[in-house]
Amino acid sequence: MHSADCDTDHSLVRCKLKLKPKKIHLSCSKPLSTLNVLATKSKEKCQHFQASIQSTFVQSAPPQDAASAWLRIRDTVGVCALSSFGRRTVKQPDWFRHHADTLHQALAEKRAARLAVMQDPSPQATSLWKQSRSKVQRLTREAKHNYWSDISKRAEDCSATVLNIESILEESAQKP
């Protein structure tokens, strides 16, 4: 093999190599699998969860100390919830899952418009694709906005409730 950098006729005959394997560092650990909390909307699954918790607590004797009682409750609820509701399989943001029905329909329309543009790149098909793209973008923004505004409203309601409870407790503590 002749050198390309200079005009010589020297060839590499022998060499020493020192290879070091490159370490691959992961920035974070693998996330824990989470429960499918959207399954709590199903009455059948909620009834199965309640029945499994009741049957588990009835079958065994209660523990003697508070620490073991807490561990038993934690483990039992976790196992029963996992068996009743299952694990979340799809990796989607929460706001997307809450508005999935409208977003999936808009995404399907956008995909169909894109395929039409790829098959027939006419100006009419391109304009339909651009319209469907803007519709998906608008619906996505609305879904995010609605999701986070609902969460903030619920947080405000909860904080107002807590403040009301605190004021009631303070008033009752002041009365003899």
C-alpha atoms as a PDB file:
ATOM      1  CA  MET A   1       0.000   0.000   0.000  1.00  0.00           C
ATOM      2  CA  HIS A   2       1.690   3.167  -1.156  1.00  0.00           C
ATOM      3  CA  SER A   3       1.386   6.443   0.633  1.00  0.00           C
ATOM      4  CA  ALA A   4      -1.131   8.891  -0.742  1.00  0.00           C
ATOM      5  CA  ASP A   5       0.294  11.881   1.104  1.00  0.00           C
ATOM      6  CA  CYS A   6       3.705  11.924  -0.462  1.00  0.00           C
ATOM      7  CA  ASP A   7       5.109  10.575  -3.665  1.00  0.00           C
ATOM      8  CA  THR A   8       7.205   7.714  -2.284  1.00  0.00           C
ATOM      9  CA  ASP A   9       7.156   4.060  -3.010  1.00  0.00           C
ATOM     10  CA  HIS A  10       7.475   3.007   0.662  1.00  0.00           C
ATOM     11  CA  SER A  11       5.021   0.406   1.992  1.00  0.00           C
ATOM     12  CA  LEU A  12       4.042  -0.508   5.520  1.00  0.00           C
ATOM     13  CA  VAL A  13       5.624  -3.841   6.332  1.00  0.00           C
ATOM     14  CA  ARG A  14       5.184  -4.189  10.067  1.00  0.00           C
ATOM     15  CA  CYS A  15       3.659  -2.156  12.898  1.00  0.00           C
ATOM     16  CA  LYS A  16       2.600  -2.375  16.524  1.00  0.00           C
ATOM     17  CA  LEU A  17      -0.920  -1.477  17.587  1.00  0.00           C
ATOM     18  CA  LYS A  18      -2.217  -0.879  21.062  1.00  0.00           C
ATOM     19  CA  LEU A  19      -6.013  -1.191  21.168  1.00  0.00           C
ATOM     20  CA  LYS A  20      -8.068   0.051  24.083  1.00  0.00           C
ATOM     21  CA  PRO A  21     -11.789  -0.666  24.193  1.00  0.00           C
ATOM     22  CA  LYS A  22     -13.833   2.495  24.554  1.00  0.00           C
ATOM     23  CA  LYS A  23     -16.004   2.670  27.661  1.00  0.00           C
ATOM     24  CA  ILE A  24     -19.633   3.461  27.010  1.00  0.00           C
ATOM     25  CA  HIS A  25     -21.093   5.630  29.730  1.00  0.00           C
ATOM     26  CA  LEU A  26     -24.833   5.881  30.136  1.00  0.00           C
ATOM     27  CA  SER A  27     -26.069   9.236  31.327  1.00  0.00           C
ATOM     28  CA  CYS A  28     -28.917   7.711  33.316  1.00  0.00           C
ATOM     29  CA  SER A  29     -30.097   4.335  34.458  1.00  0.00           C
ATOM     30  CA  LYS A  30     -32.952   2.432  32.888  1.00  0.00           C
ATOM     31  CA  PRO A  31     -36.240   3.863  34.184  1.00  0.00           C
ATOM     32  CA  LEU A  32     -38.494   1.755  36.322  1.00  0.00           C
ATOM     33  CA  SER A  33     -41.605   0.426  34.640  1.00  0.00           C
ATOM     34  CA  THR A  34     -44.710   2.283  35.674  1.00  0.00           C
ATOM     35  CA  LEU A  35     -48.276   1.222  36.250  1.00  0.00           C
ATOM     36  CA  ASN A  36     -50.905   1.807  33.620  1.00  0.00           C
ATOM     37  CA  VAL A  37     -52.813   4.475  35.552  1.00  0.00           C
ATOM     38  CA  LEU A  38     -55.237   5.048  32.685  1.00  0.00           C
ATOM     39  CA  ALA A  39     -56.599   1.578  33.428  1.00  0.00           C
ATOM     40  CA  THR A  40     -58.020   2.955  36.686  1.00  0.00           C
ATOM     41  CA  LYS A  41     -60.876   4.391  34.603  1.00  0.00           C
ATOM     42  CA  SER A  42     -62.119   0.852  34.010  1.00  0.00           C
ATOM     43  CA  LYS A  43     -64.649  -0.212  36.665  1.00  0.00           C
ATOM     44  CA  GLU A  44     -63.876  -3.909  36.155  1.00  0.00           C
ATOM     45  CA  LYS A  45     -60.163  -3.414  36.786  1.00  0.00           C
ATOM     46  CA  CYS A  46     -60.839  -1.286  39.878  1.00  0.00           C
ATOM     47  CA  GLN A  47     -63.165  -3.963  41.262  1.00  0.00           C
ATOM     48  CA  HIS A  48     -60.526  -6.626  40.561  1.00  0.00           C
ATOM     49  CA  PHE A  49     -57.963  -4.473  42.407  1.00  0.00           C
ATOM     50  CA  GLN A  50     -60.225  -4.061  45.446  1.00  0.00           C
ATOM     51  CA  ALA A  51     -61.063  -7.752  45.541  1.00  0.00           C
ATOM     52  CA  SER A  52     -57.419  -8.803  45.288  1.00  0.00           C
ATOM     53  CA  ILE A  53     -56.387  -6.449  48.116  1.00  0.00           C
ATOM     54  CA  GLN A  54     -59.204  -7.670  50.349  1.00  0.00           C
ATOM     55  CA  SER A  55     -58.426 -11.323  49.716  1.00  0.00           C
ATOM     56  CA  THR A  56     -54.700 -10.770  50.345  1.00  0.00           C
ATOM     57  CA  PHE A  57     -55.231  -9.010  53.672  1.00  0.00           C
ATOM     58  CA  VAL A  58     -57.799 -11.556  54.860  1.00  0.00           C
ATOM     59  CA  GLN A  59     -55.513 -14.521  54.149  1.00  0.00           C
ATOM     60  CA  SER A  60     -52.576 -13.509  56.343  1.00  0.00           C
ATOM     61  CA  ALA A  61     -52.248 -12.485  59.981  1.00  0.00           C
ATOM     62  CA  PRO A  62     -51.503  -8.824  60.751  1.00  0.00           C
ATOM     63  CA  PRO A  63     -47.877  -7.970  61.628  1.00  0.00           C
ATOM     64  CA  GLN A  64     -46.897  -6.930  65.136  1.00  0.00           C
ATOM     65  CA  ASP A  65     -44.862  -3.749  64.556  1.00  0.00           C
ATOM     66  CA  ALA A  66     -45.543  -0.662  62.455  1.00  0.00           C
ATOM     67  CA  ALA A  67     -42.528  -1.044  60.149  1.00  0.00           C
ATOM     68  CA  SER A  68     -43.453  -4.547  59.030  1.00  0.00           C
ATOM     69  CA  ALA A  69     -47.115  -3.484  58.707  1.00  0.00           C
ATOM     70  CA  TRP A  70     -46.106  -0.648  56.398  1.00  0.00           C
ATOM     71  CA  LEU A  71     -43.901  -2.944  54.294  1.00  0.00           C
ATOM     72  CA  ARG A  72     -46.754  -5.431  54.006  1.00  0.00           C
ATOM     73  CA  ILE A  73     -49.225  -2.744  52.917  1.00  0.00           C
ATOM     74  CA  ARG A  74     -46.760  -1.256  50.410  1.00  0.00           C
ATOM     75  CA  ASP A  75     -45.870  -4.602  48.846  1.00  0.00           C
ATOM     76  CA  THR A  76     -49.450  -5.842  48.761  1.00  0.00           C
ATOM     77  CA  VAL A  77     -50.803  -2.701  47.104  1.00  0.00           C
ATOM     78  CA  GLY A  78     -47.958  -2.744  44.578  1.00  0.00           C
ATOM     79  CA  VAL A  79     -48.434  -6.389  43.625  1.00  0.00           C
ATOM     80  CA  CYS A  80     -52.238  -6.106  43.447  1.00  0.00           C
ATOM     81  CA  ALA A  81     -52.079  -2.919  41.366  1.00  0.00           C
ATOM     82  CA  LEU A  82     -49.607  -4.509  38.972  1.00  0.00           C
ATOM     83  CA  SER A  83     -51.757  -7.622  38.552  1.00  0.00           C
ATOM     84  CA  SER A  84     -54.963  -5.591  38.134  1.00  0.00           C
ATOM     85  CA  PHE A  85     -53.879  -2.636  36.008  1.00  0.00           C
ATOM     86  CA  GLY A  86     -50.702  -3.899  34.348  1.00  0.00           C
ATOM     87  CA  ARG A  87     -47.655  -1.959  33.185  1.00  0.00           C
ATOM     88  CA  ARG A  88     -47.639   1.052  30.904  1.00  0.00           C
ATOM     89  CA  THR A  89     -46.249  -0.115  27.589  1.00  0.00           C
ATOM     90  CA  VAL A  90     -46.445   2.875  25.257  1.00  0.00           C
ATOM     91  CA  LYS A  91     -43.878   5.604  25.908  1.00  0.00           C
ATOM     92  CA  GLN A  92     -45.910   8.748  25.333  1.00  0.00           C
ATOM     93  CA  PRO A  93     -46.133  11.963  27.303  1.00  0.00           C
ATOM     94  CA  ASP A  94     -49.068  12.220  29.682  1.00  0.00           C
ATOM     95  CA  TRP A  95     -50.653  15.084  27.766  1.00  0.00           C
ATOM     96  CA  PHE A  96     -50.582  12.964  24.594  1.00  0.00           C
ATOM     97  CA  ARG A  97     -52.257   9.981  26.258  1.00  0.00           C
ATOM     98  CA  HIS A  98     -55.046  12.153  27.675  1.00  0.00           C
ATOM     99  CA  HIS A  99     -55.863  13.562  24.225  1.00  0.00           C
ATOM    100  CA  ALA A 100     -54.883  10.511  22.195  1.00  0.00           C
ATOM    101  CA  ASP A 101     -58.210  10.055  20.422  1.00  0.00           C
ATOM    102  CA  THR A 102     -58.146  13.442  18.672  1.00  0.00           C
ATOM    103  CA  LEU A 103     -54.386  13.433  18.087  1.00  0.00           C
ATOM    104  CA  HIS A 104     -54.312   9.942  16.558  1.00  0.00           C
ATOM    105  CA  GLN A 105     -57.056  10.867  14.112  1.00  0.00           C
ATOM    106  CA  ALA A 106     -55.220  14.035  13.056  1.00  0.00           C
ATOM    107  CA  LEU A 107     -51.934  12.136  12.717  1.00  0.00           C
ATOM    108  CA  ALA A 108     -53.604   9.517  10.519  1.00  0.00           C
ATOM    109  CA  GLU A 109     -54.951  12.283   8.264  1.00  0.00           C
ATOM    110  CA  LYS A 110     -51.495  13.844   8.065  1.00  0.00           C
ATOM    111  CA  ARG A 111     -49.899  10.492   7.151  1.00  0.00           C
ATOM    112  CA  ALA A 112     -52.475   9.918   4.423  1.00  0.00           C
ATOM    113  CA  ALA A 113     -51.875  13.408   3.020  1.00  0.00           C
ATOM    114  CA  ARG A 114     -48.115  12.849   3.064  1.00  0.00           C
ATOM    115  CA  LEU A 115     -48.486   9.560   1.168  1.00  0.00           C
ATOM    116  CA  ALA A 116     -50.684  11.331  -1.378  1.00  0.00           C
ATOM    117  CA  VAL A 117     -47.971  13.956  -1.892  1.00  0.00           C
ATOM    118  CA  MET A 118     -45.324  11.287  -2.334  1.00  0.00           C
ATOM    119  CA  GLN A 119     -47.449   9.440  -4.906  1.00  0.00           C
ATOM    120  CA  ASP A 120     -48.649  12.548  -6.760  1.00  0.00           C
ATOM    121  CA  PRO A 121     -46.698  15.724  -5.964  1.00  0.00           C
ATOM    122  CA  SER A 122     -49.373  18.095  -7.239  1.00  0.00           C
ATOM    123  CA  PRO A 123     -49.915  21.576  -5.739  1.00  0.00           C
ATOM    124  CA  GLN A 124     -53.353  20.531  -4.449  1.00  0.00           C
ATOM    125  CA  ALA A 125     -51.976  17.474  -2.613  1.00  0.00           C
ATOM    126  CA  THR A 126     -49.137  19.565  -1.193  1.00  0.00           C
ATOM    127  CA  SER A 127     -51.554  22.184   0.129  1.00  0.00           C
ATOM    128  CA  LEU A 128     -53.692  19.464   1.760  1.00  0.00           C
ATOM    129  CA  TRP A 129     -50.581  18.042   3.399  1.00  0.00           C
ATOM    130  CA  LYS A 130     -49.555  21.472   4.701  1.00  0.00           C
ATOM    131  CA  GLN A 131     -53.058  22.027   6.084  1.00  0.00           C
ATOM    132  CA  SER A 132     -53.040  18.672   7.864  1.00  0.00           C
ATOM    133  CA  ARG A 133     -49.556  19.412   9.235  1.00  0.00           C
ATOM    134  CA  SER A 134     -50.709  22.725  10.667  1.00  0.00           C
ATOM    135  CA  LYS A 135     -53.820  21.054  12.108  1.00  0.00           C
ATOM    136  CA  VAL A 136     -51.682  18.463  13.937  1.00  0.00           C
ATOM    137  CA  GLN A 137     -49.425  21.205  15.253  1.00  0.00           C
ATOM    138  CA  ARG A 138     -52.391  23.264  16.461  1.00  0.00           C
ATOM    139  CA  LEU A 139     -54.070  20.273  18.123  1.00  0.00           C
ATOM    140  CA  THR A 140     -50.807  19.294  19.799  1.00  0.00           C
ATOM    141  CA  ARG A 141     -50.367  22.766  21.239  1.00  0.00           C
ATOM    142  CA  GLU A 142     -53.971  22.796  22.449  1.00  0.00           C
ATOM    143  CA  ALA A 143     -53.598  19.357  24.031  1.00  0.00           C
ATOM    144  CA  LYS A 144     -50.461  20.413  25.920  1.00  0.00           C
ATOM    145  CA  HIS A 145     -52.054  23.662  27.026  1.00  0.00           C
ATOM    146  CA  ASN A 146     -55.278  22.007  28.199  1.00  0.00           C
ATOM    147  CA  TYR A 147     -53.417  19.257  30.051  1.00  0.00           C
ATOM    148  CA  TRP A 148     -51.127  21.606  31.969  1.00  0.00           C
ATOM    149  CA  SER A 149     -53.857  24.158  32.679  1.00  0.00           C
ATOM    150  CA  ASP A 150     -56.057  21.366  34.110  1.00  0.00           C
ATOM    151  CA  ILE A 151     -53.200  20.205  36.330  1.00  0.00           C
ATOM    152  CA  SER A 152     -52.492  23.734  37.557  1.00  0.00           C
ATOM    153  CA  LYS A 153     -56.200  24.311  38.241  1.00  0.00           C
ATOM    154  CA  ARG A 154     -56.407  21.096  40.272  1.00  0.00           C
ATOM    155  CA  ALA A 155     -53.276  22.097  42.199  1.00  0.00           C
ATOM    156  CA  GLU A 156     -54.797  25.503  42.971  1.00  0.00           C
ATOM    157  CA  ASP A 157     -58.033  23.866  44.110  1.00  0.00           C
ATOM    158  CA  CYS A 158     -56.116  21.478  46.356  1.00  0.00           C
ATOM    159  CA  SER A 159     -54.053  24.287  47.875  1.00  0.00           C
ATOM    160  CA  ALA A 160     -57.216  26.318  48.509  1.00  0.00           C
ATOM    161  CA  THR A 161     -58.776  23.286  50.204  1.00  0.00           C
ATOM    162  CA  VAL A 162     -55.692  22.778  52.363  1.00  0.00           C
ATOM    163  CA  LEU A 163     -55.706  26.449  53.354  1.00  0.00           C
ATOM    164  CA  ASN A 164     -59.394  26.219  54.266  1.00  0.00           C
ATOM    165  CA  ILE A 165     -58.757  23.125  56.376  1.00  0.00           C
ATOM    166  CA  GLU A 166     -55.817  24.821  58.103  1.00  0.00           C
ATOM    167  CA  SER A 167     -57.922  27.893  58.932  1.00  0.00           C
ATOM    168  CA  ILE A 168     -60.730  25.694  60.283  1.00  0.00           C
ATOM    169  CA  LEU A 169     -58.249  23.789  62.441  1.00  0.00           C
ATOM    170  CA  GLU A 170     -56.742  27.044  63.726  1.00  0.00           C
ATOM    171  CA  GLU A 171     -60.210  28.390  64.578  1.00  0.00           C
ATOM    172  CA  SER A 172     -61.154  25.189  66.385  1.00  0.00           C
ATOM    173  CA  ALA A 173     -57.879  25.241  68.313  1.00  0.00           C
ATOM    174  CA  GLN A 174     -58.545  28.821  69.460  1.00  0.00           C
ATOM    175  CA  LYS A 175     -62.048  28.034  70.741  1.00  0.00           C
ATOM    176  CA  PRO A 176     -62.098  26.607  74.279  1.00  0.00           C
END
